Each structure stands twice: as structure tokens, then as C-alpha cells.
Protein backbone atom coordinates (compact mmCIF):
# COMPACT_ATOMS: atom_id res chain seq x y z
CA UNK A 1 8.34 20.54 1.19
CA UNK A 2 7.22 21.93 4.50
CA UNK A 3 5.00 19.11 5.77
CA UNK A 4 4.33 15.47 4.93
CA UNK A 5 1.71 13.44 6.81
CA UNK A 6 2.16 9.66 7.17
CA UNK A 7 -0.81 7.57 8.27
CA UNK A 8 -0.31 4.02 9.50
CA UNK A 9 2.99 5.03 11.07
CA UNK A 10 2.72 2.37 13.80
CA UNK A 11 2.43 -0.44 11.25
CA UNK A 12 5.20 -2.63 9.88
CA UNK A 13 5.51 -0.82 6.54
CA UNK A 14 5.06 2.56 8.17
CA UNK A 15 7.99 1.80 10.46
CA UNK A 16 10.32 1.63 7.43
CA UNK A 17 8.96 4.84 5.89
CA UNK A 18 9.24 7.19 8.85
CA UNK A 19 12.97 7.88 8.71
CA UNK A 20 13.25 8.48 4.93
CA UNK A 21 10.11 10.63 4.91
CA UNK A 22 11.49 12.72 7.78
CA UNK A 23 14.30 13.76 5.42
CA UNK A 24 11.99 14.91 2.61
CA UNK A 25 10.24 17.76 4.43
CA UNK A 26 10.79 20.25 7.22
CA UNK A 27 8.12 18.43 9.22
CA UNK A 28 6.88 14.85 9.18
CA UNK A 29 3.65 14.28 11.06
CA UNK A 30 3.22 10.56 11.72
CA UNK A 31 -0.19 9.27 12.76
CA UNK A 32 -1.93 6.08 13.85
CA UNK A 33 -4.19 4.80 16.64
CA UNK A 34 -1.34 3.76 18.94
CA UNK A 35 -0.70 5.86 22.01
CA UNK A 36 2.87 6.47 20.79
CA UNK A 37 5.39 5.10 18.29
CA UNK A 38 8.56 5.34 20.35
CA UNK A 39 11.49 7.62 19.70
CA UNK A 40 10.86 10.20 16.98
CA UNK A 41 13.24 11.15 14.17
CA UNK A 42 14.47 14.70 13.68
CA UNK A 43 11.60 16.81 12.39
CA UNK A 44 9.00 14.15 13.20
CA UNK A 45 5.98 14.59 15.46
CA UNK A 46 3.29 12.06 16.32
CA UNK A 47 -0.46 12.71 16.38
CA UNK A 48 -2.97 10.04 17.35
CA UNK A 49 -5.91 10.24 14.96
CA UNK A 50 -8.79 7.98 13.91
CA UNK A 51 -9.21 7.67 10.15
CA UNK A 52 -12.96 7.23 10.56
CA UNK A 53 -13.32 10.66 12.24
CA UNK A 54 -13.36 13.44 9.68
CA UNK A 55 -12.64 16.26 12.12
CA UNK A 56 -9.47 14.53 13.35
CA UNK A 57 -8.21 13.86 9.82
CA UNK A 58 -8.97 17.35 8.55
CA UNK A 59 -6.97 18.81 11.45
CA UNK A 60 -4.16 16.31 10.84
CA UNK A 61 -3.74 17.37 7.19
CA UNK A 62 -3.81 21.11 7.83
CA UNK A 63 -0.81 22.74 6.15
CA UNK A 64 0.42 19.51 4.54
CA UNK A 65 1.99 19.40 1.09
CA UNK A 66 1.43 15.68 0.69
CA UNK A 67 -0.06 12.77 2.59
CA UNK A 68 1.36 9.24 2.46
CA UNK A 69 -1.67 7.16 3.34
CA UNK A 70 -0.78 3.72 4.73
CA UNK A 71 -3.37 3.62 7.51
CA UNK A 72 -6.02 0.89 7.25
CA UNK A 73 -7.32 -2.32 8.73
CA UNK A 74 -4.72 -4.55 7.12
CA UNK A 75 -6.55 -7.84 6.56
CA UNK A 76 -9.78 -9.32 5.28
CA UNK A 77 -12.60 -8.99 7.83
CA UNK A 78 -16.38 -8.57 7.97
CA UNK A 79 -17.54 -5.57 5.96
CA UNK A 80 -18.45 -3.55 9.06
CA UNK A 81 -14.85 -3.85 10.27
CA UNK A 82 -13.47 -2.66 6.92
CA UNK A 83 -15.99 0.15 6.49
CA UNK A 84 -14.70 2.64 9.08
CA UNK A 85 -10.92 2.74 8.64
CA UNK A 86 -10.66 1.63 5.00
CA UNK A 87 -13.67 3.14 3.21
CA UNK A 88 -14.87 6.06 5.34
CA UNK A 89 -11.23 6.65 6.23
CA UNK A 90 -10.29 6.94 2.54
CA UNK A 91 -13.05 9.48 1.97
CA UNK A 92 -11.89 11.47 4.99
CA UNK A 93 -8.32 11.52 3.66
CA UNK A 94 -9.24 12.75 0.18
CA UNK A 95 -11.87 15.22 1.34
CA UNK A 96 -9.48 16.62 3.96
CA UNK A 97 -6.72 16.80 1.36
CA UNK A 98 -8.99 18.83 -0.91
CA UNK A 99 -10.20 21.13 1.87
CA UNK A 100 -6.63 21.77 3.05
CA UNK A 101 -5.11 22.27 -0.39
CA UNK A 102 -2.92 19.17 -0.18
CA UNK A 103 -1.30 18.61 -3.54
CA UNK A 104 -1.05 14.80 -3.66
CA UNK A 105 -2.10 11.62 -1.87
CA UNK A 106 0.40 8.75 -2.08
CA UNK A 107 -1.77 5.74 -1.31
CA UNK A 108 -0.97 2.19 -0.24
CA UNK A 109 -3.39 0.34 -2.47
CA UNK A 110 -3.04 -3.40 -2.96
CA UNK A 111 -2.90 -6.25 -5.44
CA UNK A 112 -6.15 -7.33 -3.79
CA UNK A 113 -7.97 -4.67 -5.83
CA UNK A 114 -7.28 -6.93 -8.82
CA UNK A 115 -6.77 -10.15 -6.89
CA UNK A 116 -9.11 -12.35 -8.96
CA UNK A 117 -7.11 -11.90 -12.15
CA UNK A 118 -5.07 -14.94 -13.14
CA UNK A 119 -1.37 -14.85 -12.28
CA UNK A 120 -0.67 -16.02 -15.83
CA UNK A 121 -2.24 -12.94 -17.42
CA UNK A 122 0.66 -10.56 -16.63
CA UNK A 123 -1.74 -7.71 -15.96
CA UNK A 124 -0.86 -4.05 -16.40
CA UNK A 125 -1.86 -1.00 -14.39
CA UNK A 126 -4.92 -0.64 -16.65
CA UNK A 127 -6.38 -3.99 -15.51
CA UNK A 128 -10.03 -3.79 -14.48
CA UNK A 129 -10.88 -4.05 -10.80
CA UNK A 130 -11.49 -7.64 -9.69
CA UNK A 131 -11.29 -7.56 -5.87
CA UNK A 132 -10.78 -10.80 -3.99
CA UNK A 133 -12.18 -9.72 -0.59
CA UNK A 134 -13.97 -6.88 1.20
CA UNK A 135 -10.45 -5.63 1.91
CA UNK A 136 -9.74 -5.57 -1.82
CA UNK A 137 -13.10 -3.94 -2.49
CA UNK A 138 -12.12 -1.07 -0.18
CA UNK A 139 -8.92 -0.63 -2.20
CA UNK A 140 -11.04 -0.40 -5.37
CA UNK A 141 -13.17 2.26 -3.70
CA UNK A 142 -10.13 4.31 -2.71
CA UNK A 143 -8.61 4.07 -6.20
CA UNK A 144 -11.88 5.24 -7.77
CA UNK A 145 -12.11 7.98 -5.15
CA UNK A 146 -8.59 9.07 -6.10
CA UNK A 147 -9.56 9.16 -9.77
CA UNK A 148 -12.69 11.20 -9.00
CA UNK A 149 -10.82 13.74 -6.86
CA UNK A 150 -8.24 14.21 -9.62
CA UNK A 151 -10.85 14.64 -12.35
CA UNK A 152 -13.16 16.93 -10.35
CA UNK A 153 -10.92 18.59 -7.76
CA UNK A 154 -7.34 18.31 -9.09
CA UNK A 155 -5.96 16.41 -6.11
CA UNK A 156 -3.17 14.24 -7.50
CA UNK A 157 -2.79 10.62 -6.41
CA UNK A 158 -0.34 7.77 -6.85
CA UNK A 159 -2.03 4.48 -5.96
CA UNK A 160 0.63 1.86 -5.23
CA UNK A 161 -0.80 -1.64 -5.62
CA UNK A 162 1.55 -3.42 -3.22
CA UNK A 163 1.86 -7.16 -3.84
CA UNK A 164 3.66 -8.59 -0.78
CA UNK A 165 6.06 -6.44 1.19
CA UNK A 166 7.38 -8.99 3.68
CA UNK A 167 10.13 -11.55 3.94
CA UNK A 168 10.04 -14.23 1.23
CA UNK A 169 8.66 -17.40 2.83
CA UNK A 170 6.73 -19.08 -0.02
CA UNK A 171 6.73 -19.68 -3.77
CA UNK A 172 4.18 -16.95 -4.52
CA UNK A 173 6.50 -14.34 -3.00
CA UNK A 174 9.18 -15.19 -5.60
CA UNK A 175 7.03 -13.09 -7.94
CA UNK A 176 5.18 -10.78 -5.58
CA UNK A 177 7.98 -9.64 -3.23
CA UNK A 178 8.53 -5.93 -2.61
CA UNK A 179 11.66 -5.33 -0.56
CA UNK A 180 11.69 -2.59 2.04
CA UNK A 181 14.39 -0.72 0.11
CA UNK A 182 12.27 -0.82 -3.05
CA UNK A 183 9.20 0.25 -1.05
CA UNK A 184 11.08 3.32 0.15
CA UNK A 185 12.28 4.06 -3.40
CA UNK A 186 8.73 3.72 -4.74
CA UNK A 187 7.29 6.11 -2.16
CA UNK A 188 10.09 8.60 -2.74
CA UNK A 189 9.41 8.53 -6.50
CA UNK A 190 5.68 8.94 -5.92
CA UNK A 191 6.45 12.06 -3.89
CA UNK A 192 9.18 13.59 -6.05
CA UNK A 193 7.76 13.10 -9.55
CA UNK A 194 6.77 16.60 -10.67
CA UNK A 195 3.35 15.68 -12.11
CA UNK A 196 1.39 12.48 -11.57
CA UNK A 197 -2.29 13.26 -12.06
CA UNK A 198 -4.09 10.06 -11.10
CA UNK A 199 -1.65 7.17 -11.43
CA UNK A 200 -1.46 3.48 -10.58
CA UNK A 201 1.80 1.57 -10.10
CA UNK A 202 2.47 -1.95 -8.83
CA UNK A 203 4.55 -2.20 -5.68
CA UNK A 204 6.81 -5.08 -6.64
CA UNK A 205 10.56 -5.58 -6.80
CA UNK A 206 12.54 -6.45 -9.94
CA UNK A 207 11.63 -10.13 -9.64
CA UNK A 208 12.26 -12.50 -12.54
CA UNK A 209 8.82 -14.03 -11.81
CA UNK A 210 6.83 -10.79 -11.29
CA UNK A 211 3.22 -11.38 -12.47
CA UNK A 212 2.42 -7.72 -13.24
CA UNK A 213 3.55 -5.08 -15.75
CA UNK A 214 4.56 -1.55 -14.70
CA UNK A 215 5.30 -0.24 -18.20
CA UNK A 216 2.53 2.37 -18.10
CA UNK A 217 3.93 3.77 -14.83
CA UNK A 218 7.49 4.20 -16.10
CA UNK A 219 7.18 8.01 -15.95
CA UNK A 220 7.38 7.74 -12.15
CA UNK A 221 11.01 6.70 -12.46
CA UNK A 222 10.48 3.69 -10.19
CA UNK A 223 13.38 1.34 -10.91
CA UNK A 224 13.48 -1.44 -8.29
CA UNK A 225 16.80 -3.10 -7.63
CA UNK A 226 16.02 -6.22 -5.57
CA UNK A 227 15.09 -9.63 -7.01
CA UNK A 228 13.47 -12.50 -5.10
CA UNK A 229 15.20 -15.06 -7.32
CA UNK A 230 17.99 -15.11 -4.75
CA UNK A 231 15.61 -17.07 -2.49
CA UNK A 232 14.26 -19.44 -5.18
CA UNK A 233 16.52 -22.43 -4.58
CA UNK A 234 15.69 -22.74 -0.89
CA UNK A 235 11.99 -21.90 -1.23
CA UNK A 236 11.29 -24.29 -4.11
CA UNK A 237 13.21 -27.12 -2.45
CA UNK A 238 10.97 -26.83 0.62
CA UNK A 239 7.65 -25.99 -1.08
CA UNK A 240 5.16 -28.86 -1.59
CA UNK A 241 3.75 -29.49 -5.09
CA UNK A 242 1.28 -26.83 -6.20
CA UNK A 243 -2.44 -27.66 -5.94
CA UNK A 244 -3.86 -26.33 -9.21
CA UNK A 245 -7.41 -26.46 -7.85
CA UNK A 246 -6.52 -23.96 -5.12
CA UNK A 247 -7.40 -20.33 -6.02
CA UNK A 248 -4.46 -19.20 -3.88
CA UNK A 249 -2.15 -20.78 -6.47
CA UNK A 250 -3.96 -19.45 -9.54
CA UNK A 251 -4.92 -15.85 -8.80
CA UNK A 252 -3.03 -12.62 -8.17
CA UNK A 253 -4.49 -12.30 -4.67
CA UNK A 254 -2.90 -15.51 -3.44
CA UNK A 255 -4.41 -16.66 -0.11
CA UNK A 256 -6.90 -13.77 -0.17
CA UNK A 257 -8.40 -15.27 -3.34
CA UNK A 258 -9.22 -18.50 -1.52
CA UNK A 259 -10.53 -17.39 1.90
CA UNK A 260 -14.29 -16.94 2.41
CA UNK A 261 -15.46 -13.32 2.45
CA UNK A 262 -14.99 -11.77 5.87
CA UNK A 263 -12.39 -14.30 7.06
CA UNK A 264 -8.74 -13.45 7.65
CA UNK A 265 -6.30 -13.94 4.82
CA UNK A 266 -3.29 -12.99 6.91
CA UNK A 267 -3.99 -15.92 9.26
CA UNK A 268 -3.16 -18.31 6.42
CA UNK A 269 0.19 -16.61 5.69
CA UNK A 270 3.55 -16.88 7.40
CA UNK A 271 4.29 -13.16 7.70
CA UNK A 272 7.37 -12.47 9.82
CA UNK A 273 6.99 -9.40 12.02
CA UNK A 274 10.27 -7.60 11.37
CA UNK A 275 8.97 -4.14 12.15
CA UNK A 276 11.73 -1.57 12.32
CA UNK A 277 12.46 -0.13 15.75
CA UNK A 278 13.99 3.30 16.24
């Protein structure tokens, strides 16, 4: 490929994607709202762009073969906060992709699009939307937008419903963990698969306790190698007894299923900031 665009390049997950993506195309254009993202990899350039501004996004995607869309407000918040980057921003990405002839959008969706399904249901990629927050609702919008733009405008999309891509610090993560290596593998497969149409795949490692089923997405060739069971002994020895009246213990969305609408879910989680530095 000649050009890949990565949004959300200044974020924690984006920091792990920049180097491998720079090797998949002649040019990687990384983008975010930060003034800069430090040292650039070979073939990488950085463009500051606001997802909520259509003219900036259309210019950003000019000449691109694919866009890897990780840019968003990454937490639950009041609807007005989510609206610009996550909902209007999604429209701007897909409309700009269509106008520029971009072949495929590889999208960082989330388990929070189906976060109010029970963890015991072992849901597949065909599970109905049941968002747990405004943040999850925006992911539902983007997935439906992706489906619409495939059906009506032939823009392919792979929507990766990421569960929890962070260090394992709690019992829920024994099932929901997505390692950084498996994240990179998933994105690479979403890019390299010859034909995807509109597809959904769960972003989760090969965990013994994984609460979701990726069987319908097997054509992507995503074969994760890491397993959170290696952390189970330590985590379960330190974890207090589960409170079965707590929605965070019962539903796919974890803490996001229990917070009031508009209030941070990330604030209730112990996410270690291990962002990669160049």
C-alpha cells in the first residue's frame, strides 16, 4: 500500500500500532490532537487534525488506501463530550473515506457496544447492540455507519470490539485481556485480509476465560497467541469475593455497566499507563 492513516496516534494503543503500521505502507500518516508525538518512524509523518472538523479529516485521508481509526474520547462522559469526537468524528471518517476512495476503515470499536449482555451468555459477533454508556452508544453508531457505508457505498470496514487492552490487574481481565502483541496481529489481519465487506471481530486474546465467540470472524485469520491465565493465580489470590449484585461483575461492559450515564468508567479502573515511547 502507498498510504495508511492512523488516528489516535498519541494514545496508549496508538503508540503500539505506529511502528508496525509504518512497515505496511510507503507512508504512514499518524494523527491526533497533540502538538507532536515525538520521534517518528521511517516513512511516518504526523498531522494534527480534529476528528470533529470534516475539512481537516477529508484532507487527512486524501490518497489513503486504508484508515486505522483509533481516535476518540476514550471514556464515558456527558453526551455533548462524546458527540464531537466519537459520533460526528465517525461520520467524518467514513464520509471522507468514501469521498477519497479509501478502500477500508479498520475501526477500534468496543465491547461497550454490547456491554449490557451477560458475561455468561458467550456472545458472538452477531449479538445485538446493548450499549452500557453514551460511549458505548457512539460505538454502536459507528458500527451501524460502517454497515451502511458498505451496503450503500462499498467502503469496507472491520470493526474490532476491543475488550480490555491493558495490563491484567483484576479478575475480569482474565477473560477480557487483549495483549499488545495480539492487538497488533489483529490490526494487521484486518488490513491484509483480501476482502472483508462489513465485519465485526472481538479484540480479545486466547484467554481460557474469554466471554465472547469469534467463530464468525475466523475468515480474518486472527489467531491470538497470548492467554491471561498466566496471571490467574496472583489475581484471584488478591481479588475480594465477587459481589453478584454489582453489574460490573455480571455484564460484558464491566465497570462501564455500573457507572451512571455520563460519569467516568475509567476512573473506577486501575489502568496502568504503559504507553510505548519511541
